[in-house]
Amino acid sequence: MGILANHVPTIEQLKPGVVEVLENSTTVKKWFVSGGFATINPDSSLNINAVEAFSLEDFSAEAVKTGLAEAQRAASSGGTEEDQALAKVEVEVYEALQAALSK
């Protein structure tokens, strides 16, 4: 989703993924967010409220691969229903992070 001048005010839920911030015509910073909300204001400014946000540069593809494998094991183990639900959320975040790093 891009925000341009005169954008309709909106509130959008953010799923795990990448937020690209155009600082100027040549500088783009990429952040991985685990979820949150984006609010587009009447003046076309944008507020992002994220649970967590980390520079995409801070992640190692190998560490993400290892974390994903561990989360998948936890999600399929015979733990409590709560433990499995938490592991499934972790799997979703790792999968989104892995996809972001492969681009």
PDB file of N, CA and C in Angstrom:
ATOM      1  N   MET A   1       0.850  -1.171   0.000  1.00  0.00           N
ATOM      2  CA  MET A   1       0.000   0.000   0.000  1.00  0.00           C
ATOM      3  C   MET A   1       0.895   1.233   0.000  1.00  0.00           C
ATOM      4  N   GLY A   2       0.625   2.152  -0.856  1.00  0.00           N
ATOM      5  CA  GLY A   2       1.358   3.411  -0.889  1.00  0.00           C
ATOM      6  C   GLY A   2       0.458   4.539  -0.433  1.00  0.00           C
ATOM      7  N   ILE A   3       1.037   5.555   0.150  1.00  0.00           N
ATOM      8  CA  ILE A   3       0.283   6.713   0.624  1.00  0.00           C
ATOM      9  C   ILE A   3       0.730   7.911  -0.192  1.00  0.00           C
ATOM     10  N   LEU A   4      -0.199   8.524  -0.895  1.00  0.00           N
ATOM     11  CA  LEU A   4       0.087   9.712  -1.693  1.00  0.00           C
ATOM     12  C   LEU A   4      -0.726  10.888  -1.169  1.00  0.00           C
ATOM     13  N   ALA A   5      -0.490  12.062  -1.711  1.00  0.00           N
ATOM     14  CA  ALA A   5      -1.244  13.255  -1.316  1.00  0.00           C
ATOM     15  C   ALA A   5      -2.741  13.018  -1.508  1.00  0.00           C
ATOM     16  N   ASN A   6      -3.530  13.568  -0.622  1.00  0.00           N
ATOM     17  CA  ASN A   6      -5.003  13.484  -0.658  1.00  0.00           C
ATOM     18  C   ASN A   6      -5.523  12.059  -0.499  1.00  0.00           C
ATOM     19  N   HIS A   7      -4.789  11.217   0.195  1.00  0.00           N
ATOM     20  CA  HIS A   7      -5.228   9.843   0.447  1.00  0.00           C
ATOM     21  C   HIS A   7      -6.420   9.871   1.402  1.00  0.00           C
ATOM     22  N   VAL A   8      -7.335   8.972   1.207  1.00  0.00           N
ATOM     23  CA  VAL A   8      -8.511   8.867   2.070  1.00  0.00           C
ATOM     24  C   VAL A   8      -8.058   8.437   3.463  1.00  0.00           C
ATOM     25  N   PRO A   9      -8.513   9.115   4.532  1.00  0.00           N
ATOM     26  CA  PRO A   9      -8.156   8.684   5.886  1.00  0.00           C
ATOM     27  C   PRO A   9      -8.589   7.233   6.113  1.00  0.00           C
ATOM     28  N   THR A  10      -7.690   6.450   6.664  1.00  0.00           N
ATOM     29  CA  THR A  10      -7.926   5.014   6.796  1.00  0.00           C
ATOM     30  C   THR A  10      -7.173   4.483   8.002  1.00  0.00           C
ATOM     31  N   ILE A  11      -7.681   3.385   8.557  1.00  0.00           N
ATOM     32  CA  ILE A  11      -6.947   2.613   9.562  1.00  0.00           C
ATOM     33  C   ILE A  11      -6.844   1.204   9.017  1.00  0.00           C
ATOM     34  N   GLU A  12      -5.604   0.683   8.959  1.00  0.00           N
ATOM     35  CA  GLU A  12      -5.359  -0.652   8.429  1.00  0.00           C
ATOM     36  C   GLU A  12      -4.613  -1.490   9.460  1.00  0.00           C
ATOM     37  N   GLN A  13      -5.014  -2.752   9.583  1.00  0.00           N
ATOM     38  CA  GLN A  13      -4.281  -3.667  10.439  1.00  0.00           C
ATOM     39  C   GLN A  13      -3.050  -4.154   9.685  1.00  0.00           C
ATOM     40  N   LEU A  14      -1.924  -4.218  10.380  1.00  0.00           N
ATOM     41  CA  LEU A  14      -0.687  -4.715   9.788  1.00  0.00           C
ATOM     42  C   LEU A  14      -0.457  -6.149  10.226  1.00  0.00           C
ATOM     43  N   LYS A  15      -0.178  -7.001   9.275  1.00  0.00           N
ATOM     44  CA  LYS A  15       0.220  -8.377   9.559  1.00  0.00           C
ATOM     45  C   LYS A  15       1.742  -8.409   9.573  1.00  0.00           C
ATOM     46  N   PRO A  16       2.339  -9.507  10.015  1.00  0.00           N
ATOM     47  CA  PRO A  16       3.800  -9.577   9.965  1.00  0.00           C
ATOM     48  C   PRO A  16       4.297  -9.336   8.543  1.00  0.00           C
ATOM     49  N   GLY A  17       5.254  -8.431   8.407  1.00  0.00           N
ATOM     50  CA  GLY A  17       5.795  -8.131   7.089  1.00  0.00           C
ATOM     51  C   GLY A  17       6.694  -6.914   7.117  1.00  0.00           C
ATOM     52  N   VAL A  18       6.999  -6.411   5.941  1.00  0.00           N
ATOM     53  CA  VAL A  18       7.952  -5.316   5.791  1.00  0.00           C
ATOM     54  C   VAL A  18       7.228  -3.998   5.560  1.00  0.00           C
ATOM     55  N   VAL A  19       7.700  -2.976   6.258  1.00  0.00           N
ATOM     56  CA  VAL A  19       7.254  -1.602   6.035  1.00  0.00           C
ATOM     57  C   VAL A  19       8.446  -0.870   5.439  1.00  0.00           C
ATOM     58  N   GLU A  20       8.250  -0.275   4.269  1.00  0.00           N
ATOM     59  CA  GLU A  20       9.301   0.497   3.616  1.00  0.00           C
ATOM     60  C   GLU A  20       9.049   1.973   3.862  1.00  0.00           C
ATOM     61  N   VAL A  21      10.064   2.669   4.340  1.00  0.00           N
ATOM     62  CA  VAL A  21       9.961   4.095   4.612  1.00  0.00           C
ATOM     63  C   VAL A  21      10.857   4.824   3.620  1.00  0.00           C
ATOM     64  N   LEU A  22      10.252   5.677   2.798  1.00  0.00           N
ATOM     65  CA  LEU A  22      11.006   6.483   1.831  1.00  0.00           C
ATOM     66  C   LEU A  22      11.420   7.766   2.540  1.00  0.00           C
ATOM     67  N   GLU A  23      12.685   7.840   2.924  1.00  0.00           N
ATOM     68  CA  GLU A  23      13.161   9.020   3.644  1.00  0.00           C
ATOM     69  C   GLU A  23      13.361  10.200   2.711  1.00  0.00           C
ATOM     70  N   ASN A  24      13.777   9.914   1.493  1.00  0.00           N
ATOM     71  CA  ASN A  24      13.903  10.927   0.444  1.00  0.00           C
ATOM     72  C   ASN A  24      13.896  10.182  -0.888  1.00  0.00           C
ATOM     73  N   SER A  25      14.219  10.855  -1.972  1.00  0.00           N
ATOM     74  CA  SER A  25      14.113  10.222  -3.294  1.00  0.00           C
ATOM     75  C   SER A  25      15.118   9.095  -3.514  1.00  0.00           C
ATOM     76  N   THR A  26      16.153   9.003  -2.687  1.00  0.00           N
ATOM     77  CA  THR A  26      17.169   7.967  -2.892  1.00  0.00           C
ATOM     78  C   THR A  26      17.329   7.001  -1.716  1.00  0.00           C
ATOM     79  N   THR A  27      16.713   7.297  -0.581  1.00  0.00           N
ATOM     80  CA  THR A  27      16.918   6.473   0.617  1.00  0.00           C
ATOM     81  C   THR A  27      15.629   5.772   1.026  1.00  0.00           C
ATOM     82  N   VAL A  28      15.698   4.433   1.043  1.00  0.00           N
ATOM     83  CA  VAL A  28      14.574   3.617   1.483  1.00  0.00           C
ATOM     84  C   VAL A  28      15.058   2.757   2.644  1.00  0.00           C
ATOM     85  N   LYS A  29      14.344   2.795   3.752  1.00  0.00           N
ATOM     86  CA  LYS A  29      14.668   1.941   4.891  1.00  0.00           C
ATOM     87  C   LYS A  29      13.564   0.905   5.028  1.00  0.00           C
ATOM     88  N   LYS A  30      13.968  -0.344   5.288  1.00  0.00           N
ATOM     89  CA  LYS A  30      13.010  -1.433   5.414  1.00  0.00           C
ATOM     90  C   LYS A  30      12.989  -1.926   6.853  1.00  0.00           C
ATOM     91  N   TRP A  31      11.784  -2.042   7.386  1.00  0.00           N
ATOM     92  CA  TRP A  31      11.564  -2.491   8.758  1.00  0.00           C
ATOM     93  C   TRP A  31      10.649  -3.707   8.740  1.00  0.00           C
ATOM     94  N   PHE A  32      10.971  -4.692   9.551  1.00  0.00           N
ATOM     95  CA  PHE A  32      10.081  -5.836   9.709  1.00  0.00           C
ATOM     96  C   PHE A  32       9.237  -5.584  10.946  1.00  0.00           C
ATOM     97  N   VAL A  33       7.916  -5.639  10.773  1.00  0.00           N
ATOM     98  CA  VAL A  33       6.994  -5.473  11.907  1.00  0.00           C
ATOM     99  C   VAL A  33       6.249  -6.781  12.122  1.00  0.00           C
ATOM    100  N   SER A  34       6.026  -7.113  13.375  1.00  0.00           N
ATOM    101  CA  SER A  34       5.316  -8.356  13.682  1.00  0.00           C
ATOM    102  C   SER A  34       3.812  -8.162  13.659  1.00  0.00           C
ATOM    103  N   GLY A  35       3.356  -6.945  13.567  1.00  0.00           N
ATOM    104  CA  GLY A  35       1.925  -6.638  13.513  1.00  0.00           C
ATOM    105  C   GLY A  35       1.683  -5.258  14.081  1.00  0.00           C
ATOM    106  N   GLY A  36       0.474  -4.766  13.930  1.00  0.00           N
ATOM    107  CA  GLY A  36       0.123  -3.455  14.458  1.00  0.00           C
ATOM    108  C   GLY A  36      -0.941  -2.792  13.609  1.00  0.00           C
ATOM    109  N   PHE A  37      -0.921  -1.452  13.590  1.00  0.00           N
ATOM    110  CA  PHE A  37      -1.906  -0.686  12.830  1.00  0.00           C
ATOM    111  C   PHE A  37      -1.239   0.492  12.138  1.00  0.00           C
ATOM    112  N   ALA A  38      -1.739   0.820  10.954  1.00  0.00           N
ATOM    113  CA  ALA A  38      -1.315   2.006  10.221  1.00  0.00           C
ATOM    114  C   ALA A  38      -2.518   2.940  10.139  1.00  0.00           C
ATOM    115  N   THR A  39      -2.318   4.195  10.520  1.00  0.00           N
ATOM    116  CA  THR A  39      -3.383   5.191  10.464  1.00  0.00           C
ATOM    117  C   THR A  39      -2.984   6.262   9.458  1.00  0.00           C
ATOM    118  N   ILE A  40      -3.788   6.398   8.412  1.00  0.00           N
ATOM    119  CA  ILE A  40      -3.570   7.443   7.408  1.00  0.00           C
ATOM    120  C   ILE A  40      -4.472   8.604   7.797  1.00  0.00           C
ATOM    121  N   ASN A  41      -3.867   9.744   8.061  1.00  0.00           N
ATOM    122  CA  ASN A  41      -4.587  10.916   8.550  1.00  0.00           C
ATOM    123  C   ASN A  41      -5.135  11.757   7.405  1.00  0.00           C
ATOM    124  N   PRO A  42      -6.091  12.667   7.689  1.00  0.00           N
ATOM    125  CA  PRO A  42      -6.668  13.512   6.632  1.00  0.00           C
ATOM    126  C   PRO A  42      -5.638  14.338   5.867  1.00  0.00           C
ATOM    127  N   ASP A  43      -4.491  14.661   6.495  1.00  0.00           N
ATOM    128  CA  ASP A  43      -3.462  15.435   5.797  1.00  0.00           C
ATOM    129  C   ASP A  43      -2.477  14.550   5.034  1.00  0.00           C
ATOM    130  N   SER A  44      -2.809  13.252   4.866  1.00  0.00           N
ATOM    131  CA  SER A  44      -2.007  12.247   4.161  1.00  0.00           C
ATOM    132  C   SER A  44      -0.742  11.846   4.912  1.00  0.00           C
ATOM    133  N   SER A  45      -0.627  12.255   6.177  1.00  0.00           N
ATOM    134  CA  SER A  45       0.493  11.759   6.984  1.00  0.00           C
ATOM    135  C   SER A  45       0.130  10.349   7.469  1.00  0.00           C
ATOM    136  N   LEU A  46       1.129   9.629   7.936  1.00  0.00           N
ATOM    137  CA  LEU A  46       0.935   8.233   8.329  1.00  0.00           C
ATOM    138  C   LEU A  46       1.524   7.993   9.704  1.00  0.00           C
ATOM    139  N   ASN A  47       0.764   7.305  10.550  1.00  0.00           N
ATOM    140  CA  ASN A  47       1.262   6.837  11.847  1.00  0.00           C
ATOM    141  C   ASN A  47       1.234   5.327  11.822  1.00  0.00           C
ATOM    142  N   ILE A  48       2.332   4.722  12.265  1.00  0.00           N
ATOM    143  CA  ILE A  48       2.382   3.262  12.370  1.00  0.00           C
ATOM    144  C   ILE A  48       2.587   2.905  13.831  1.00  0.00           C
ATOM    145  N   ASN A  49       1.675   2.093  14.352  1.00  0.00           N
ATOM    146  CA  ASN A  49       1.783   1.574  15.711  1.00  0.00           C
ATOM    147  C   ASN A  49       2.048   0.090  15.579  1.00  0.00           C
ATOM    148  N   ALA A  50       3.281  -0.307  15.867  1.00  0.00           N
ATOM    149  CA  ALA A  50       3.676  -1.699  15.695  1.00  0.00           C
ATOM    150  C   ALA A  50       4.019  -2.312  17.046  1.00  0.00           C
ATOM    151  N   VAL A  51       3.708  -3.592  17.177  1.00  0.00           N
ATOM    152  CA  VAL A  51       4.067  -4.324  18.383  1.00  0.00           C
ATOM    153  C   VAL A  51       5.588  -4.355  18.501  1.00  0.00           C
ATOM    154  N   GLU A  52       6.253  -4.673  17.394  1.00  0.00           N
ATOM    155  CA  GLU A  52       7.713  -4.700  17.318  1.00  0.00           C
ATOM    156  C   GLU A  52       8.115  -4.258  15.919  1.00  0.00           C
ATOM    157  N   ALA A  53       9.234  -3.568  15.815  1.00  0.00           N
ATOM    158  CA  ALA A  53       9.765  -3.185  14.508  1.00  0.00           C
ATOM    159  C   ALA A  53      11.287  -3.242  14.579  1.00  0.00           C
ATOM    160  N   PHE A  54      11.877  -3.946  13.608  1.00  0.00           N
ATOM    161  CA  PHE A  54      13.327  -4.104  13.557  1.00  0.00           C
ATOM    162  C   PHE A  54      13.794  -3.869  12.135  1.00  0.00           C
ATOM    163  N   SER A  55      14.951  -3.253  12.010  1.00  0.00           N
ATOM    164  CA  SER A  55      15.531  -3.056  10.687  1.00  0.00           C
ATOM    165  C   SER A  55      15.739  -4.420  10.038  1.00  0.00           C
ATOM    166  N   LEU A  56      15.352  -4.542   8.785  1.00  0.00           N
ATOM    167  CA  LEU A  56      15.487  -5.814   8.073  1.00  0.00           C
ATOM    168  C   LEU A  56      16.956  -6.238   7.997  1.00  0.00           C
ATOM    169  N   GLU A  57      17.859  -5.272   8.014  1.00  0.00           N
ATOM    170  CA  GLU A  57      19.295  -5.558   7.966  1.00  0.00           C
ATOM    171  C   GLU A  57      19.788  -6.313   9.197  1.00  0.00           C
ATOM    172  N   ASP A  58      19.024  -6.266  10.296  1.00  0.00           N
ATOM    173  CA  ASP A  58      19.453  -6.883  11.556  1.00  0.00           C
ATOM    174  C   ASP A  58      19.260  -8.396  11.591  1.00  0.00           C
ATOM    175  N   PHE A  59      18.635  -8.966  10.569  1.00  0.00           N
ATOM    176  CA  PHE A  59      18.300 -10.389  10.598  1.00  0.00           C
ATOM    177  C   PHE A  59      19.256 -11.208   9.741  1.00  0.00           C
ATOM    178  N   SER A  60      19.560 -12.388  10.230  1.00  0.00           N
ATOM    179  CA  SER A  60      20.362 -13.359   9.506  1.00  0.00           C
ATOM    180  C   SER A  60      19.419 -14.415   8.932  1.00  0.00           C
ATOM    181  N   ALA A  61      19.537 -14.702   7.647  1.00  0.00           N
ATOM    182  CA  ALA A  61      18.682 -15.709   7.012  1.00  0.00           C
ATOM    183  C   ALA A  61      18.832 -17.065   7.697  1.00  0.00           C
ATOM    184  N   GLU A  62      20.032 -17.401   8.112  1.00  0.00           N
ATOM    185  CA  GLU A  62      20.268 -18.692   8.777  1.00  0.00           C
ATOM    186  C   GLU A  62      19.590 -18.742  10.148  1.00  0.00           C
ATOM    187  N   ALA A  63      19.653 -17.647  10.901  1.00  0.00           N
ATOM    188  CA  ALA A  63      19.002 -17.608  12.219  1.00  0.00           C
ATOM    189  C   ALA A  63      17.487 -17.697  12.077  1.00  0.00           C
ATOM    190  N   VAL A  64      16.939 -17.068  11.047  1.00  0.00           N
ATOM    191  CA  VAL A  64      15.500 -17.133  10.806  1.00  0.00           C
ATOM    192  C   VAL A  64      15.091 -18.553  10.444  1.00  0.00           C
ATOM    193  N   LYS A  65      15.889 -19.208   9.614  1.00  0.00           N
ATOM    194  CA  LYS A  65      15.608 -20.592   9.217  1.00  0.00           C
ATOM    195  C   LYS A  65      15.598 -21.505  10.445  1.00  0.00           C
ATOM    196  N   THR A  66      16.567 -21.329  11.324  1.00  0.00           N
ATOM    197  CA  THR A  66      16.649 -22.128  12.553  1.00  0.00           C
ATOM    198  C   THR A  66      15.459 -21.847  13.460  1.00  0.00           C
ATOM    199  N   GLY A  67      15.120 -20.571  13.633  1.00  0.00           N
ATOM    200  CA  GLY A  67      13.976 -20.193  14.468  1.00  0.00           C
ATOM    201  C   GLY A  67      12.675 -20.748  13.935  1.00  0.00           C
ATOM    202  N   LEU A  68      12.515 -20.728  12.616  1.00  0.00           N
ATOM    203  CA  LEU A  68      11.304 -21.265  11.997  1.00  0.00           C
ATOM    204  C   LEU A  68      11.186 -22.762  12.260  1.00  0.00           C
ATOM    205  N   ALA A  69      12.269 -23.489  12.109  1.00  0.00           N
ATOM    206  CA  ALA A  69      12.251 -24.930  12.347  1.00  0.00           C
ATOM    207  C   ALA A  69      11.874 -25.238  13.796  1.00  0.00           C
ATOM    208  N   GLU A  70      12.415 -24.471  14.740  1.00  0.00           N
ATOM    209  CA  GLU A  70      12.092 -24.678  16.151  1.00  0.00           C
ATOM    210  C   GLU A  70      10.619 -24.362  16.433  1.00  0.00           C
ATOM    211  N   ALA A  71      10.116 -23.291  15.845  1.00  0.00           N
ATOM    212  CA  ALA A  71       8.718 -22.907  16.042  1.00  0.00           C
ATOM    213  C   ALA A  71       7.784 -23.954  15.434  1.00  0.00           C
ATOM    214  N   GLN A  72       8.141 -24.501  14.280  1.00  0.00           N
ATOM    215  CA  GLN A  72       7.318 -25.537  13.653  1.00  0.00           C
ATOM    216  C   GLN A  72       7.286 -26.798  14.516  1.00  0.00           C
ATOM    217  N   ARG A  73       8.420 -27.154  15.112  1.00  0.00           N
ATOM    218  CA  ARG A  73       8.459 -28.310  16.018  1.00  0.00           C
ATOM    219  C   ARG A  73       7.551 -28.072  17.219  1.00  0.00           C
ATOM    220  N   ALA A  74       7.622 -26.872  17.796  1.00  0.00           N
ATOM    221  CA  ALA A  74       6.798 -26.547  18.960  1.00  0.00           C
ATOM    222  C   ALA A  74       5.313 -26.552  18.604  1.00  0.00           C
ATOM    223  N   ALA A  75       4.985 -26.074  17.400  1.00  0.00           N
ATOM    224  CA  ALA A  75       3.574 -26.030  16.984  1.00  0.00           C
ATOM    225  C   ALA A  75       2.995 -27.416  16.771  1.00  0.00           C
ATOM    226  N   SER A  76       3.827 -28.363  16.379  1.00  0.00           N
ATOM    227  CA  SER A  76       3.326 -29.714  16.108  1.00  0.00           C
ATOM    228  C   SER A  76       3.518 -30.660  17.296  1.00  0.00           C
ATOM    229  N   SER A  77       4.122 -30.163  18.371  1.00  0.00           N
ATOM    230  CA  SER A  77       4.332 -31.019  19.545  1.00  0.00           C
ATOM    231  C   SER A  77       3.035 -31.157  20.331  1.00  0.00           C
ATOM    232  N   GLY A  78       3.053 -32.027  21.282  1.00  0.00           N
ATOM    233  CA  GLY A  78       1.851 -32.288  22.073  1.00  0.00           C
ATOM    234  C   GLY A  78       1.707 -31.385  23.280  1.00  0.00           C
ATOM    235  N   GLY A  79       2.145 -30.132  23.185  1.00  0.00           N
ATOM    236  CA  GLY A  79       2.025 -29.197  24.300  1.00  0.00           C
ATOM    237  C   GLY A  79       0.581 -28.788  24.548  1.00  0.00           C
ATOM    238  N   THR A  80       0.406 -27.874  25.464  1.00  0.00           N
ATOM    239  CA  THR A  80      -0.932 -27.390  25.773  1.00  0.00           C
ATOM    240  C   THR A  80      -1.486 -26.619  24.572  1.00  0.00           C
ATOM    241  N   GLU A  81      -2.762 -26.392  24.600  1.00  0.00           N
ATOM    242  CA  GLU A  81      -3.413 -25.645  23.515  1.00  0.00           C
ATOM    243  C   GLU A  81      -2.836 -24.233  23.421  1.00  0.00           C
ATOM    244  N   GLU A  82      -2.566 -23.635  24.563  1.00  0.00           N
ATOM    245  CA  GLU A  82      -1.985 -22.285  24.585  1.00  0.00           C
ATOM    246  C   GLU A  82      -0.578 -22.290  23.998  1.00  0.00           C
ATOM    247  N   ASP A  83       0.239 -23.280  24.367  1.00  0.00           N
ATOM    248  CA  ASP A  83       1.596 -23.381  23.832  1.00  0.00           C
ATOM    249  C   ASP A  83       1.580 -23.556  22.317  1.00  0.00           C
ATOM    250  N   GLN A  84       0.662 -24.366  21.817  1.00  0.00           N
ATOM    251  CA  GLN A  84       0.566 -24.586  20.374  1.00  0.00           C
ATOM    252  C   GLN A  84       0.116 -23.323  19.655  1.00  0.00           C
ATOM    253  N   ALA A  85      -0.819 -22.582  20.259  1.00  0.00           N
ATOM    254  CA  ALA A  85      -1.291 -21.336  19.648  1.00  0.00           C
ATOM    255  C   ALA A  85      -0.154 -20.313  19.564  1.00  0.00           C
ATOM    256  N   LEU A  86       0.616 -20.198  20.636  1.00  0.00           N
ATOM    257  CA  LEU A  86       1.753 -19.273  20.630  1.00  0.00           C
ATOM    258  C   LEU A  86       2.789 -19.683  19.589  1.00  0.00           C
ATOM    259  N   ALA A  87       3.038 -20.970  19.473  1.00  0.00           N
ATOM    260  CA  ALA A  87       4.003 -21.466  18.489  1.00  0.00           C
ATOM    261  C   ALA A  87       3.512 -21.196  17.070  1.00  0.00           C
ATOM    262  N   LYS A  88       2.209 -21.306  16.835  1.00  0.00           N
ATOM    263  CA  LYS A  88       1.674 -21.026  15.490  1.00  0.00           C
ATOM    264  C   LYS A  88       1.853 -19.559  15.116  1.00  0.00           C
ATOM    265  N   VAL A  89       1.691 -18.664  16.083  1.00  0.00           N
ATOM    266  CA  VAL A  89       1.932 -17.239  15.824  1.00  0.00           C
ATOM    267  C   VAL A  89       3.401 -17.027  15.498  1.00  0.00           C
ATOM    268  N   GLU A  90       4.271 -17.694  16.243  1.00  0.00           N
ATOM    269  CA  GLU A  90       5.705 -17.591  16.000  1.00  0.00           C
ATOM    270  C   GLU A  90       6.057 -18.100  14.597  1.00  0.00           C
ATOM    271  N   VAL A  91       5.422 -19.195  14.183  1.00  0.00           N
ATOM    272  CA  VAL A  91       5.649 -19.729  12.836  1.00  0.00           C
ATOM    273  C   VAL A  91       5.234 -18.699  11.790  1.00  0.00           C
ATOM    274  N   GLU A  92       4.083 -18.065  11.977  1.00  0.00           N
ATOM    275  CA  GLU A  92       3.600 -17.069  11.018  1.00  0.00           C
ATOM    276  C   GLU A  92       4.589 -15.908  10.889  1.00  0.00           C
ATOM    277  N   VAL A  93       5.118 -15.450  12.015  1.00  0.00           N
ATOM    278  CA  VAL A  93       6.072 -14.340  11.987  1.00  0.00           C
ATOM    279  C   VAL A  93       7.369 -14.764  11.293  1.00  0.00           C
ATOM    280  N   TYR A  94       7.890 -15.940  11.633  1.00  0.00           N
ATOM    281  CA  TYR A  94       9.126 -16.416  10.992  1.00  0.00           C
ATOM    282  C   TYR A  94       8.937 -16.628   9.492  1.00  0.00           C
ATOM    283  N   GLU A  95       7.788 -17.143   9.082  1.00  0.00           N
ATOM    284  CA  GLU A  95       7.544 -17.343   7.647  1.00  0.00           C
ATOM    285  C   GLU A  95       7.523 -16.012   6.911  1.00  0.00           C
ATOM    286  N   ALA A  96       6.878 -14.995   7.506  1.00  0.00           N
ATOM    287  CA  ALA A  96       6.845 -13.674   6.883  1.00  0.00           C
ATOM    288  C   ALA A  96       8.240 -13.065   6.828  1.00  0.00           C
ATOM    289  N   LEU A  97       9.013 -13.262   7.888  1.00  0.00           N
ATOM    290  CA  LEU A  97      10.374 -12.741   7.920  1.00  0.00           C
ATOM    291  C   LEU A  97      11.252 -13.437   6.879  1.00  0.00           C
ATOM    292  N   GLN A  98      11.097 -14.742   6.763  1.00  0.00           N
ATOM    293  CA  GLN A  98      11.858 -15.500   5.765  1.00  0.00           C
ATOM    294  C   GLN A  98      11.515 -15.016   4.349  1.00  0.00           C
ATOM    295  N   ALA A  99      10.229 -14.786   4.085  1.00  0.00           N
ATOM    296  CA  ALA A  99       9.813 -14.297   2.771  1.00  0.00           C
ATOM    297  C   ALA A  99      10.392 -12.903   2.504  1.00  0.00           C
ATOM    298  N   ALA A 100      10.423 -12.052   3.527  1.00  0.00           N
ATOM    299  CA  ALA A 100      10.962 -10.696   3.364  1.00  0.00           C
ATOM    300  C   ALA A 100      12.450 -10.728   3.061  1.00  0.00           C
ATOM    301  N   LEU A 101      13.166 -11.647   3.677  1.00  0.00           N
ATOM    302  CA  LEU A 101      14.609 -11.725   3.462  1.00  0.00           C
ATOM    303  C   LEU A 101      14.964 -12.316   2.108  1.00  0.00           C
ATOM    304  N   SER A 102      14.061 -13.095   1.537  1.00  0.00           N
ATOM    305  CA  SER A 102      14.352 -13.733   0.254  1.00  0.00           C
ATOM    306  C   SER A 102      14.068 -12.806  -0.928  1.00  0.00           C
ATOM    307  N   LYS A 103      13.534 -11.628  -0.689  1.00  0.00           N
ATOM    308  CA  LYS A 103      13.232 -10.688  -1.778  1.00  0.00           C
ATOM    309  C   LYS A 103      14.436  -9.882  -2.156  1.00  0.00           C
TER     310      LYS A 103
END
